[in-house]
Amino acid sequence: MSADAEILFERRGRIGLVTLDRPAALNALTEAMVVALAEKLREWQHDDAVAAVVVRGKGRAFCAGGDVRRAYDVGRDGTPLTTFFRDEYRLNAAVRHFPKPYVALVHGYVMGGGAGISVHGSHRVFAEDAVFSMPETGIGFFPDVGVSHALARLPHEIGVYCALASARLARGDSLHAGIATHAAPAGDFDAIVEALASTGDVDAVLAPYVPQSIAPETLDAVDAEIERIFATGGVEAILARLDAAEGPHALFAEKAAADIRTKSPTSLKVTLRQVRAARELSFDDCIRLDYRIASHILTGHDFYEGVRAALVDKDRQPRWRPAGLAEVDARAVEAHFVTPADGDLELE
């Protein structure tokens, strides 16, 4: 077994086993963890003895995101931390294109950067307490790490809803939407690892965990309403339809509208344009677009204000600039989609 302090690597039988080991930080990814995992994937990709890679997390969560607090600290000192996002996005692409089975054993939160090292893998096994979310609009950021490619392809406009409202999907909803591929009790994870190490046959080992009777917690009942509300128009039009919703889905619509109104207005408009654009983009182009957007956001106001309110002062009272959707200049939105000064992200 080898370790880079906060991430552990082990060749166990037929698998390469990765364990995220920052339990006190819900396994949030640091730059060192990102670089170490990318290097190990390059090694295992060419190792014929490794039939599959398995990734799991210690503690209460799989991975609750990237280390945005460090990006905040560095950026506040005047140097946007684009190096972290460059390395992270390249890692996301490496996961997406990994030529062998890549199994994420997900328990607890899988958010932000955690989604980037799980959702793009071939097999996503969710435990009973797994919760997926992309909460970035709440900190003045956007759904990055290539997840726009997945969100744009979820049925019934679920991806747009998740992106704007930072909706949390429990296991049944994640299976229903296609975020998760398998369901297993967290208590079975050790046995799954050992079986994979012994045989290397991912499909056979996971066959008992193909979901058959796990119902969505909320989505099935509101799929049609989500599609009706989120399919067309700008953020203002979506909010108007949410406000006007009546009948059995009125409470759902009221909560979704309230959640959206707490987010950065600029982030909301950038995110809606991003996810809709992702429908026509390859995964690699989505990652390149993420780098364009991140490069611009890191030079602005709302990301630092959002992190301050959520993680630094923790007052939960971000002062967005501009404060309202009507004040967001269309040219300011478009500026997020142009090539940054250091050029587009290059992928291996």
Foldseek 3Di string as FASTA:
>chain_A
DDDPVQKDWDQFAQAIEIEGRPQVQLSAAELVNLVVVQVVLVVLLPDPSHQEYEYAYDHQWRYAEHPVVVQLVVLVVPDGPLVSLLSLLLSLVCQLPRPHAYEYETAAEQEYSSLSNAQSGPAYEYAQHYKYWHQVLLQVAFRASLCLLLLLPFPLNVSLLRGQLRDIFGDQRCVNRVSHQFYDHPVCPVVLVNVCSHPVDNCVSRVVGGDDPRHGPPCVVCSNVSNVLLVDDAPVSSLVSLCPDDDPCVVVSVSSSVSNLSGALLRSRLHSVLSNVSNPDDSVVSNQLSSLLSVLSSNDDRNSQSCCCCPNVVVSDGCHVVNDNVPDDPVSSVSSRDADPVGTRDHD
